[in-house]
Amino acid sequence: MAKNTANETEKSREIRNTNKKQVESVQLETRKQLIEQLISYRKAKKITQADISDNTGIQRPNISRLESGKYNPTLDMIVRVADSIGLEVEITLKEKKNQLK
């Protein structure tokens, strides 16, 4: 019986680790897409990182780190940067496909 419990615990741990890796992958991809959009709009509107810094109060090196993917921004920071570029942030949650119930 103890062996079954150990196997079940190990199996549960493996599932959690797999789920954690999947979530991290989604987080990275979402962050990458968001950053690409911010950069694209900023450049199209000929807005500099210094302009964003002046308009938001966020230090320019932090804007640079955000755009290079070296900084994990808060939602507040994303909203402030987007607003300074003339964008709104819209978040839509949707149910996962093929989710087990």
PDB file of N, CA and C in Angstrom:
ATOM      1  N   MET A   1       0.818  -1.190   0.000  1.00  0.00           N
ATOM      2  CA  MET A   1       0.000   0.000   0.000  1.00  0.00           C
ATOM      3  C   MET A   1       0.864   1.258   0.000  1.00  0.00           C
ATOM      4  N   ALA A   2       1.963   1.233   0.750  1.00  0.00           N
ATOM      5  CA  ALA A   2       2.868   2.378   0.780  1.00  0.00           C
ATOM      6  C   ALA A   2       3.501   2.590  -0.585  1.00  0.00           C
ATOM      7  N   LYS A   3       3.756   1.491  -1.301  1.00  0.00           N
ATOM      8  CA  LYS A   3       4.355   1.599  -2.627  1.00  0.00           C
ATOM      9  C   LYS A   3       3.383   2.277  -3.597  1.00  0.00           C
ATOM     10  N   ASN A   4       2.101   1.923  -3.526  1.00  0.00           N
ATOM     11  CA  ASN A   4       1.092   2.565  -4.371  1.00  0.00           C
ATOM     12  C   ASN A   4       1.012   4.062  -4.089  1.00  0.00           C
ATOM     13  N   THR A   5       1.040   4.418  -2.820  1.00  0.00           N
ATOM     14  CA  THR A   5       0.976   5.823  -2.438  1.00  0.00           C
ATOM     15  C   THR A   5       2.187   6.574  -2.969  1.00  0.00           C
ATOM     16  N   ALA A   6       3.359   5.964  -2.884  1.00  0.00           N
ATOM     17  CA  ALA A   6       4.580   6.591  -3.398  1.00  0.00           C
ATOM     18  C   ALA A   6       4.492   6.767  -4.908  1.00  0.00           C
ATOM     19  N   ASN A   7       3.981   5.753  -5.602  1.00  0.00           N
ATOM     20  CA  ASN A   7       3.832   5.843  -7.057  1.00  0.00           C
ATOM     21  C   ASN A   7       2.831   6.934  -7.439  1.00  0.00           C
ATOM     22  N   GLU A   8       1.722   7.008  -6.694  1.00  0.00           N
ATOM     23  CA  GLU A   8       0.714   8.032  -6.964  1.00  0.00           C
ATOM     24  C   GLU A   8       1.275   9.427  -6.697  1.00  0.00           C
ATOM     25  N   THR A   9       2.066   9.546  -5.632  1.00  0.00           N
ATOM     26  CA  THR A   9       2.682  10.829  -5.310  1.00  0.00           C
ATOM     27  C   THR A   9       3.654  11.239  -6.407  1.00  0.00           C
ATOM     28  N   GLU A  10       4.461  10.305  -6.882  1.00  0.00           N
ATOM     29  CA  GLU A  10       5.413  10.589  -7.960  1.00  0.00           C
ATOM     30  C   GLU A  10       4.675  10.969  -9.240  1.00  0.00           C
ATOM     31  N   LYS A  11       3.602  10.252  -9.531  1.00  0.00           N
ATOM     32  CA  LYS A  11       2.801  10.546 -10.725  1.00  0.00           C
ATOM     33  C   LYS A  11       2.193  11.949 -10.618  1.00  0.00           C
ATOM     34  N   SER A  12       1.665  12.288  -9.459  1.00  0.00           N
ATOM     35  CA  SER A  12       1.097  13.624  -9.240  1.00  0.00           C
ATOM     36  C   SER A  12       2.158  14.699  -9.417  1.00  0.00           C
ATOM     37  N   ARG A  13       3.351  14.440  -8.914  1.00  0.00           N
ATOM     38  CA  ARG A  13       4.461  15.383  -9.033  1.00  0.00           C
ATOM     39  C   ARG A  13       4.833  15.589 -10.505  1.00  0.00           C
ATOM     40  N   GLU A  14       4.866  14.499 -11.267  1.00  0.00           N
ATOM     41  CA  GLU A  14       5.189  14.589 -12.695  1.00  0.00           C
ATOM     42  C   GLU A  14       4.134  15.408 -13.442  1.00  0.00           C
ATOM     43  N   ILE A  15       2.872  15.193 -13.109  1.00  0.00           N
ATOM     44  CA  ILE A  15       1.785  15.950 -13.748  1.00  0.00           C
ATOM     45  C   ILE A  15       1.914  17.433 -13.415  1.00  0.00           C
ATOM     46  N   ARG A  16       2.182  17.752 -12.142  1.00  0.00           N
ATOM     47  CA  ARG A  16       2.342  19.153 -11.738  1.00  0.00           C
ATOM     48  C   ARG A  16       3.510  19.802 -12.473  1.00  0.00           C
ATOM     49  N   ASN A  17       4.632  19.081 -12.582  1.00  0.00           N
ATOM     50  CA  ASN A  17       5.803  19.621 -13.275  1.00  0.00           C
ATOM     51  C   ASN A  17       5.512  19.856 -14.751  1.00  0.00           C
ATOM     52  N   THR A  18       4.790  18.927 -15.375  1.00  0.00           N
ATOM     53  CA  THR A  18       4.417  19.085 -16.780  1.00  0.00           C
ATOM     54  C   THR A  18       3.503  20.289 -16.944  1.00  0.00           C
ATOM     55  N   ASN A  19       2.506  20.409 -16.078  1.00  0.00           N
ATOM     56  CA  ASN A  19       1.586  21.551 -16.134  1.00  0.00           C
ATOM     57  C   ASN A  19       2.331  22.864 -15.913  1.00  0.00           C
ATOM     58  N   LYS A  20       3.277  22.867 -14.977  1.00  0.00           N
ATOM     59  CA  LYS A  20       4.057  24.070 -14.686  1.00  0.00           C
ATOM     60  C   LYS A  20       4.849  24.493 -15.920  1.00  0.00           C
ATOM     61  N   LYS A  21       5.463  23.534 -16.597  1.00  0.00           N
ATOM     62  CA  LYS A  21       6.239  23.842 -17.805  1.00  0.00           C
ATOM     63  C   LYS A  21       5.337  24.380 -18.910  1.00  0.00           C
ATOM     64  N   GLN A  22       4.143  23.820 -19.039  1.00  0.00           N
ATOM     65  CA  GLN A  22       3.201  24.299 -20.055  1.00  0.00           C
ATOM     66  C   GLN A  22       2.769  25.731 -19.754  1.00  0.00           C
ATOM     67  N   VAL A  23       2.489  26.011 -18.498  1.00  0.00           N
ATOM     68  CA  VAL A  23       2.074  27.360 -18.095  1.00  0.00           C
ATOM     69  C   VAL A  23       3.210  28.351 -18.350  1.00  0.00           C
ATOM     70  N   GLU A  24       4.438  27.973 -17.992  1.00  0.00           N
ATOM     71  CA  GLU A  24       5.583  28.850 -18.218  1.00  0.00           C
ATOM     72  C   GLU A  24       5.768  29.129 -19.705  1.00  0.00           C
ATOM     73  N   SER A  25       5.550  28.123 -20.530  1.00  0.00           N
ATOM     74  CA  SER A  25       5.665  28.294 -21.978  1.00  0.00           C
ATOM     75  C   SER A  25       4.629  29.292 -22.493  1.00  0.00           C
ATOM     76  N   VAL A  26       3.408  29.175 -22.009  1.00  0.00           N
ATOM     77  CA  VAL A  26       2.342  30.107 -22.408  1.00  0.00           C
ATOM     78  C   VAL A  26       2.676  31.519 -21.927  1.00  0.00           C
ATOM     79  N   GLN A  27       3.184  31.636 -20.710  1.00  0.00           N
ATOM     80  CA  GLN A  27       3.547  32.949 -20.178  1.00  0.00           C
ATOM     81  C   GLN A  27       4.615  33.613 -21.043  1.00  0.00           C
ATOM     82  N   LEU A  28       5.647  32.861 -21.387  1.00  0.00           N
ATOM     83  CA  LEU A  28       6.728  33.413 -22.204  1.00  0.00           C
ATOM     84  C   LEU A  28       6.232  33.838 -23.578  1.00  0.00           C
ATOM     85  N   GLU A  29       5.414  33.007 -24.200  1.00  0.00           N
ATOM     86  CA  GLU A  29       4.900  33.319 -25.531  1.00  0.00           C
ATOM     87  C   GLU A  29       3.983  34.542 -25.487  1.00  0.00           C
ATOM     88  N   THR A  30       3.144  34.626 -24.474  1.00  0.00           N
ATOM     89  CA  THR A  30       2.241  35.774 -24.329  1.00  0.00           C
ATOM     90  C   THR A  30       3.039  37.055 -24.121  1.00  0.00           C
ATOM     91  N   ARG A  31       4.041  36.990 -23.249  1.00  0.00           N
ATOM     92  CA  ARG A  31       4.883  38.159 -22.987  1.00  0.00           C
ATOM     93  C   ARG A  31       5.607  38.588 -24.267  1.00  0.00           C
ATOM     94  N   LYS A  32       6.131  37.618 -25.017  1.00  0.00           N
ATOM     95  CA  LYS A  32       6.842  37.908 -26.266  1.00  0.00           C
ATOM     96  C   LYS A  32       5.923  38.617 -27.261  1.00  0.00           C
ATOM     97  N   GLN A  33       4.713  38.115 -27.422  1.00  0.00           N
ATOM     98  CA  GLN A  33       3.761  38.726 -28.357  1.00  0.00           C
ATOM     99  C   GLN A  33       3.395  40.147 -27.929  1.00  0.00           C
ATOM    100  N   LEU A  34       3.183  40.329 -26.646  1.00  0.00           N
ATOM    101  CA  LEU A  34       2.837  41.647 -26.119  1.00  0.00           C
ATOM    102  C   LEU A  34       3.960  42.647 -26.378  1.00  0.00           C
ATOM    103  N   ILE A  35       5.185  42.241 -26.084  1.00  0.00           N
ATOM    104  CA  ILE A  35       6.340  43.116 -26.285  1.00  0.00           C
ATOM    105  C   ILE A  35       6.489  43.474 -27.762  1.00  0.00           C
ATOM    106  N   GLU A  36       6.327  42.479 -28.632  1.00  0.00           N
ATOM    107  CA  GLU A  36       6.428  42.737 -30.071  1.00  0.00           C
ATOM    108  C   GLU A  36       5.393  43.769 -30.517  1.00  0.00           C
ATOM    109  N   GLN A  37       4.185  43.673 -29.980  1.00  0.00           N
ATOM    110  CA  GLN A  37       3.137  44.639 -30.333  1.00  0.00           C
ATOM    111  C   GLN A  37       3.488  46.044 -29.838  1.00  0.00           C
ATOM    112  N   LEU A  38       3.945  46.140 -28.598  1.00  0.00           N
ATOM    113  CA  LEU A  38       4.308  47.449 -28.048  1.00  0.00           C
ATOM    114  C   LEU A  38       5.417  48.097 -28.876  1.00  0.00           C
ATOM    115  N   ILE A  39       6.444  47.324 -29.209  1.00  0.00           N
ATOM    116  CA  ILE A  39       7.560  47.856 -29.995  1.00  0.00           C
ATOM    117  C   ILE A  39       7.081  48.286 -31.377  1.00  0.00           C
ATOM    118  N   SER A  40       6.285  47.445 -32.006  1.00  0.00           N
ATOM    119  CA  SER A  40       5.791  47.743 -33.352  1.00  0.00           C
ATOM    120  C   SER A  40       4.989  49.043 -33.376  1.00  0.00           C
ATOM    121  N   TYR A  41       4.060  49.189 -32.450  1.00  0.00           N
ATOM    122  CA  TYR A  41       3.249  50.413 -32.387  1.00  0.00           C
ATOM    123  C   TYR A  41       4.113  51.623 -32.035  1.00  0.00           C
ATOM    124  N   ARG A  42       5.040  51.443 -31.095  1.00  0.00           N
ATOM    125  CA  ARG A  42       5.908  52.558 -30.692  1.00  0.00           C
ATOM    126  C   ARG A  42       6.703  53.069 -31.888  1.00  0.00           C
ATOM    127  N   LYS A  43       7.299  52.142 -32.628  1.00  0.00           N
ATOM    128  CA  LYS A  43       8.114  52.545 -33.778  1.00  0.00           C
ATOM    129  C   LYS A  43       7.259  53.142 -34.891  1.00  0.00           C
ATOM    130  N   ALA A  44       6.085  52.565 -35.132  1.00  0.00           N
ATOM    131  CA  ALA A  44       5.195  53.084 -36.179  1.00  0.00           C
ATOM    132  C   ALA A  44       4.773  54.520 -35.882  1.00  0.00           C
ATOM    133  N   LYS A  45       4.637  54.833 -34.604  1.00  0.00           N
ATOM    134  CA  LYS A  45       4.219  56.185 -34.209  1.00  0.00           C
ATOM    135  C   LYS A  45       5.412  57.099 -33.927  1.00  0.00           C
ATOM    136  N   LYS A  46       6.627  56.553 -34.205  1.00  0.00           N
ATOM    137  CA  LYS A  46       7.868  57.314 -34.023  1.00  0.00           C
ATOM    138  C   LYS A  46       8.006  57.854 -32.592  1.00  0.00           C
ATOM    139  N   ILE A  47       7.667  57.007 -31.650  1.00  0.00           N
ATOM    140  CA  ILE A  47       7.787  57.343 -30.229  1.00  0.00           C
ATOM    141  C   ILE A  47       9.040  56.653 -29.704  1.00  0.00           C
ATOM    142  N   THR A  48       9.862  57.396 -28.986  1.00  0.00           N
ATOM    143  CA  THR A  48      11.097  56.825 -28.452  1.00  0.00           C
ATOM    144  C   THR A  48      10.866  56.263 -27.050  1.00  0.00           C
ATOM    145  N   GLN A  49      11.819  55.467 -26.610  1.00  0.00           N
ATOM    146  CA  GLN A  49      11.767  54.970 -25.233  1.00  0.00           C
ATOM    147  C   GLN A  49      11.830  56.141 -24.259  1.00  0.00           C
ATOM    148  N   ALA A  50      12.592  57.165 -24.608  1.00  0.00           N
ATOM    149  CA  ALA A  50      12.685  58.360 -23.755  1.00  0.00           C
ATOM    150  C   ALA A  50      11.327  59.063 -23.663  1.00  0.00           C
ATOM    151  N   ASP A  51      10.594  59.096 -24.777  1.00  0.00           N
ATOM    152  CA  ASP A  51       9.243  59.689 -24.758  1.00  0.00           C
ATOM    153  C   ASP A  51       8.342  58.928 -23.789  1.00  0.00           C
ATOM    154  N   ILE A  52       8.405  57.604 -23.866  1.00  0.00           N
ATOM    155  CA  ILE A  52       7.587  56.774 -22.967  1.00  0.00           C
ATOM    156  C   ILE A  52       7.979  57.041 -21.526  1.00  0.00           C
ATOM    157  N   SER A  53       9.281  57.114 -21.279  1.00  0.00           N
ATOM    158  CA  SER A  53       9.774  57.381 -19.932  1.00  0.00           C
ATOM    159  C   SER A  53       9.249  58.717 -19.413  1.00  0.00           C
ATOM    160  N   ASP A  54       9.332  59.736 -20.258  1.00  0.00           N
ATOM    161  CA  ASP A  54       8.840  61.070 -19.861  1.00  0.00           C
ATOM    162  C   ASP A  54       7.342  61.055 -19.562  1.00  0.00           C
ATOM    163  N   ASN A  55       6.581  60.308 -20.354  1.00  0.00           N
ATOM    164  CA  ASN A  55       5.116  60.280 -20.202  1.00  0.00           C
ATOM    165  C   ASN A  55       4.635  59.394 -19.060  1.00  0.00           C
ATOM    166  N   THR A  56       5.427  58.400 -18.695  1.00  0.00           N
ATOM    167  CA  THR A  56       4.973  57.431 -17.692  1.00  0.00           C
ATOM    168  C   THR A  56       5.675  57.549 -16.349  1.00  0.00           C
ATOM    169  N   GLY A  57       6.862  58.146 -16.351  1.00  0.00           N
ATOM    170  CA  GLY A  57       7.660  58.171 -15.130  1.00  0.00           C
ATOM    171  C   GLY A  57       8.446  56.887 -14.920  1.00  0.00           C
ATOM    172  N   ILE A  58       8.350  55.969 -15.863  1.00  0.00           N
ATOM    173  CA  ILE A  58       9.129  54.722 -15.802  1.00  0.00           C
ATOM    174  C   ILE A  58      10.510  55.027 -16.375  1.00  0.00           C
ATOM    175  N   GLN A  59      11.552  54.658 -15.655  1.00  0.00           N
ATOM    176  CA  GLN A  59      12.902  54.958 -16.119  1.00  0.00           C
ATOM    177  C   GLN A  59      13.183  54.289 -17.462  1.00  0.00           C
ATOM    178  N   ARG A  60      13.901  55.013 -18.346  1.00  0.00           N
ATOM    179  CA  ARG A  60      14.176  54.506 -19.679  1.00  0.00           C
ATOM    180  C   ARG A  60      14.883  53.147 -19.673  1.00  0.00           C
ATOM    181  N   PRO A  61      15.848  52.897 -18.771  1.00  0.00           N
ATOM    182  CA  PRO A  61      16.459  51.558 -18.760  1.00  0.00           C
ATOM    183  C   PRO A  61      15.432  50.439 -18.503  1.00  0.00           C
ATOM    184  N   ASN A  62      14.402  50.743 -17.726  1.00  0.00           N
ATOM    185  CA  ASN A  62      13.357  49.738 -17.486  1.00  0.00           C
ATOM    186  C   ASN A  62      12.516  49.509 -18.739  1.00  0.00           C
ATOM    187  N   ILE A  63      12.293  50.566 -19.516  1.00  0.00           N
ATOM    188  CA  ILE A  63      11.584  50.419 -20.792  1.00  0.00           C
ATOM    189  C   ILE A  63      12.421  49.537 -21.719  1.00  0.00           C
ATOM    190  N   SER A  64      13.716  49.789 -21.748  1.00  0.00           N
ATOM    191  CA  SER A  64      14.625  49.001 -22.584  1.00  0.00           C
ATOM    192  C   SER A  64      14.620  47.532 -22.165  1.00  0.00           C
ATOM    193  N   ARG A  65      14.677  47.280 -20.859  1.00  0.00           N
ATOM    194  CA  ARG A  65      14.657  45.893 -20.366  1.00  0.00           C
ATOM    195  C   ARG A  65      13.329  45.219 -20.690  1.00  0.00           C
ATOM    196  N   LEU A  66      12.242  45.970 -20.599  1.00  0.00           N
ATOM    197  CA  LEU A  66      10.932  45.438 -20.971  1.00  0.00           C
ATOM    198  C   LEU A  66      10.954  44.998 -22.433  1.00  0.00           C
ATOM    199  N   GLU A  67      11.418  45.891 -23.310  1.00  0.00           N
ATOM    200  CA  GLU A  67      11.407  45.600 -24.741  1.00  0.00           C
ATOM    201  C   GLU A  67      12.370  44.475 -25.120  1.00  0.00           C
ATOM    202  N   SER A  68      13.427  44.287 -24.351  1.00  0.00           N
ATOM    203  CA  SER A  68      14.385  43.221 -24.664  1.00  0.00           C
ATOM    204  C   SER A  68      13.979  41.886 -24.046  1.00  0.00           C
ATOM    205  N   GLY A  69      12.897  41.898 -23.267  1.00  0.00           N
ATOM    206  CA  GLY A  69      12.424  40.664 -22.652  1.00  0.00           C
ATOM    207  C   GLY A  69      13.154  40.298 -21.376  1.00  0.00           C
ATOM    208  N   LYS A  70      13.970  41.207 -20.865  1.00  0.00           N
ATOM    209  CA  LYS A  70      14.749  40.937 -19.655  1.00  0.00           C
ATOM    210  C   LYS A  70      14.019  41.367 -18.387  1.00  0.00           C
ATOM    211  N   TYR A  71      12.814  41.862 -18.548  1.00  0.00           N
ATOM    212  CA  TYR A  71      12.051  42.398 -17.422  1.00  0.00           C
ATOM    213  C   TYR A  71      10.642  41.844 -17.497  1.00  0.00           C
ATOM    214  N   ASN A  72      10.152  41.331 -16.403  1.00  0.00           N
ATOM    215  CA  ASN A  72       8.793  40.802 -16.346  1.00  0.00           C
ATOM    216  C   ASN A  72       7.882  41.915 -15.825  1.00  0.00           C
ATOM    217  N   PRO A  73       7.189  42.600 -16.723  1.00  0.00           N
ATOM    218  CA  PRO A  73       6.432  43.782 -16.314  1.00  0.00           C
ATOM    219  C   PRO A  73       5.160  43.438 -15.552  1.00  0.00           C
ATOM    220  N   THR A  74       4.761  44.366 -14.708  1.00  0.00           N
ATOM    221  CA  THR A  74       3.466  44.238 -14.043  1.00  0.00           C
ATOM    222  C   THR A  74       2.385  44.683 -15.023  1.00  0.00           C
ATOM    223  N   LEU A  75       1.161  44.329 -14.730  1.00  0.00           N
ATOM    224  CA  LEU A  75       0.043  44.779 -15.557  1.00  0.00           C
ATOM    225  C   LEU A  75      -0.027  46.303 -15.547  1.00  0.00           C
ATOM    226  N   ASP A  76       0.232  46.910 -14.402  1.00  0.00           N
ATOM    227  CA  ASP A  76       0.229  48.370 -14.294  1.00  0.00           C
ATOM    228  C   ASP A  76       1.233  48.985 -15.264  1.00  0.00           C
ATOM    229  N   MET A  77       2.423  48.422 -15.335  1.00  0.00           N
ATOM    230  CA  MET A  77       3.451  48.950 -16.230  1.00  0.00           C
ATOM    231  C   MET A  77       3.024  48.810 -17.692  1.00  0.00           C
ATOM    232  N   ILE A  78       2.462  47.668 -18.030  1.00  0.00           N
ATOM    233  CA  ILE A  78       2.002  47.442 -19.405  1.00  0.00           C
ATOM    234  C   ILE A  78       0.936  48.467 -19.782  1.00  0.00           C
ATOM    235  N   VAL A  79      -0.008  48.700 -18.880  1.00  0.00           N
ATOM    236  CA  VAL A  79      -1.085  49.659 -19.146  1.00  0.00           C
ATOM    237  C   VAL A  79      -0.511  51.063 -19.313  1.00  0.00           C
ATOM    238  N   ARG A  80       0.425  51.446 -18.466  1.00  0.00           N
ATOM    239  CA  ARG A  80       1.025  52.777 -18.552  1.00  0.00           C
ATOM    240  C   ARG A  80       1.803  52.964 -19.852  1.00  0.00           C
ATOM    241  N   VAL A  81       2.581  51.952 -20.236  1.00  0.00           N
ATOM    242  CA  VAL A  81       3.355  52.036 -21.482  1.00  0.00           C
ATOM    243  C   VAL A  81       2.405  52.090 -22.675  1.00  0.00           C
ATOM    244  N   ALA A  82       1.415  51.204 -22.684  1.00  0.00           N
ATOM    245  CA  ALA A  82       0.450  51.181 -23.789  1.00  0.00           C
ATOM    246  C   ALA A  82      -0.264  52.526 -23.904  1.00  0.00           C
ATOM    247  N   ASP A  83      -0.681  53.081 -22.787  1.00  0.00           N
ATOM    248  CA  ASP A  83      -1.373  54.369 -22.792  1.00  0.00           C
ATOM    249  C   ASP A  83      -0.488  55.470 -23.366  1.00  0.00           C
ATOM    250  N   SER A  84       0.796  55.430 -23.040  1.00  0.00           N
ATOM    251  CA  SER A  84       1.710  56.468 -23.538  1.00  0.00           C
ATOM    252  C   SER A  84       1.922  56.368 -25.050  1.00  0.00           C
ATOM    253  N   ILE A  85       1.616  55.207 -25.626  1.00  0.00           N
ATOM    254  CA  ILE A  85       1.725  54.999 -27.072  1.00  0.00           C
ATOM    255  C   ILE A  85       0.375  55.253 -27.743  1.00  0.00           C
ATOM    256  N   GLY A  86      -0.655  55.452 -26.941  1.00  0.00           N
ATOM    257  CA  GLY A  86      -1.992  55.683 -27.490  1.00  0.00           C
ATOM    258  C   GLY A  86      -2.779  54.402 -27.679  1.00  0.00           C
ATOM    259  N   LEU A  87      -2.457  53.398 -26.875  1.00  0.00           N
ATOM    260  CA  LEU A  87      -3.131  52.104 -26.972  1.00  0.00           C
ATOM    261  C   LEU A  87      -3.910  51.802 -25.700  1.00  0.00           C
ATOM    262  N   GLU A  88      -4.937  50.982 -25.840  1.00  0.00           N
ATOM    263  CA  GLU A  88      -5.664  50.439 -24.694  1.00  0.00           C
ATOM    264  C   GLU A  88      -5.253  48.985 -24.526  1.00  0.00           C
ATOM    265  N   VAL A  89      -5.272  48.517 -23.308  1.00  0.00           N
ATOM    266  CA  VAL A  89      -5.006  47.108 -23.040  1.00  0.00           C
ATOM    267  C   VAL A  89      -6.346  46.416 -22.850  1.00  0.00           C
ATOM    268  N   GLU A  90      -6.547  45.354 -23.595  1.00  0.00           N
ATOM    269  CA  GLU A  90      -7.771  44.562 -23.490  1.00  0.00           C
ATOM    270  C   GLU A  90      -7.360  43.119 -23.232  1.00  0.00           C
ATOM    271  N   ILE A  91      -7.837  42.557 -22.151  1.00  0.00           N
ATOM    272  CA  ILE A  91      -7.495  41.182 -21.800  1.00  0.00           C
ATOM    273  C   ILE A  91      -8.748  40.332 -21.921  1.00  0.00           C
ATOM    274  N   THR A  92      -8.626  39.255 -22.664  1.00  0.00           N
ATOM    275  CA  THR A  92      -9.745  38.343 -22.850  1.00  0.00           C
ATOM    276  C   THR A  92      -9.333  36.964 -22.364  1.00  0.00           C
ATOM    277  N   LEU A  93     -10.086  36.430 -21.446  1.00  0.00           N
ATOM    278  CA  LEU A  93      -9.837  35.073 -20.974  1.00  0.00           C
ATOM    279  C   LEU A  93     -10.734  34.128 -21.745  1.00  0.00           C
ATOM    280  N   LYS A  94     -10.199  32.968 -22.080  1.00  0.00           N
ATOM    281  CA  LYS A  94     -11.021  31.983 -22.780  1.00  0.00           C
ATOM    282  C   LYS A  94     -10.683  30.597 -22.260  1.00  0.00           C
ATOM    283  N   GLU A  95     -11.637  29.730 -22.401  1.00  0.00           N
ATOM    284  CA  GLU A  95     -11.485  28.368 -21.918  1.00  0.00           C
ATOM    285  C   GLU A  95     -10.441  27.637 -22.752  1.00  0.00           C
ATOM    286  N   LYS A  96      -9.650  26.801 -22.081  1.00  0.00           N
ATOM    287  CA  LYS A  96      -8.640  26.011 -22.781  1.00  0.00           C
ATOM    288  C   LYS A  96      -9.299  24.986 -23.675  1.00  0.00           C
ATOM    289  N   LYS A  97      -8.654  24.707 -24.784  1.00  0.00           N
ATOM    290  CA  LYS A  97      -9.123  23.640 -25.663  1.00  0.00           C
ATOM    291  C   LYS A  97      -8.653  22.311 -25.086  1.00  0.00           C
ATOM    292  N   ASN A  98      -9.449  21.274 -25.285  1.00  0.00           N
ATOM    293  CA  ASN A  98      -9.094  19.919 -24.850  1.00  0.00           C
ATOM    294  C   ASN A  98      -8.791  19.838 -23.360  1.00  0.00           C
ATOM    295  N   GLN A  99      -9.443  20.647 -22.564  1.00  0.00           N
ATOM    296  CA  GLN A  99      -9.241  20.622 -21.121  1.00  0.00           C
ATOM    297  C   GLN A  99     -10.045  19.479 -20.520  1.00  0.00           C
ATOM    298  N   LEU A 100      -9.370  18.648 -19.720  1.00  0.00           N
ATOM    299  CA  LEU A 100     -10.068  17.555 -19.040  1.00  0.00           C
ATOM    300  C   LEU A 100     -10.929  18.130 -17.930  1.00  0.00           C
ATOM    301  N   LYS A 101     -12.098  17.554 -17.763  1.00  0.00           N
ATOM    302  CA  LYS A 101     -13.001  18.032 -16.705  1.00  0.00           C
ATOM    303  C   LYS A 101     -13.061  17.052 -15.577  1.00  0.00           C
TER     304      LYS A 101
END
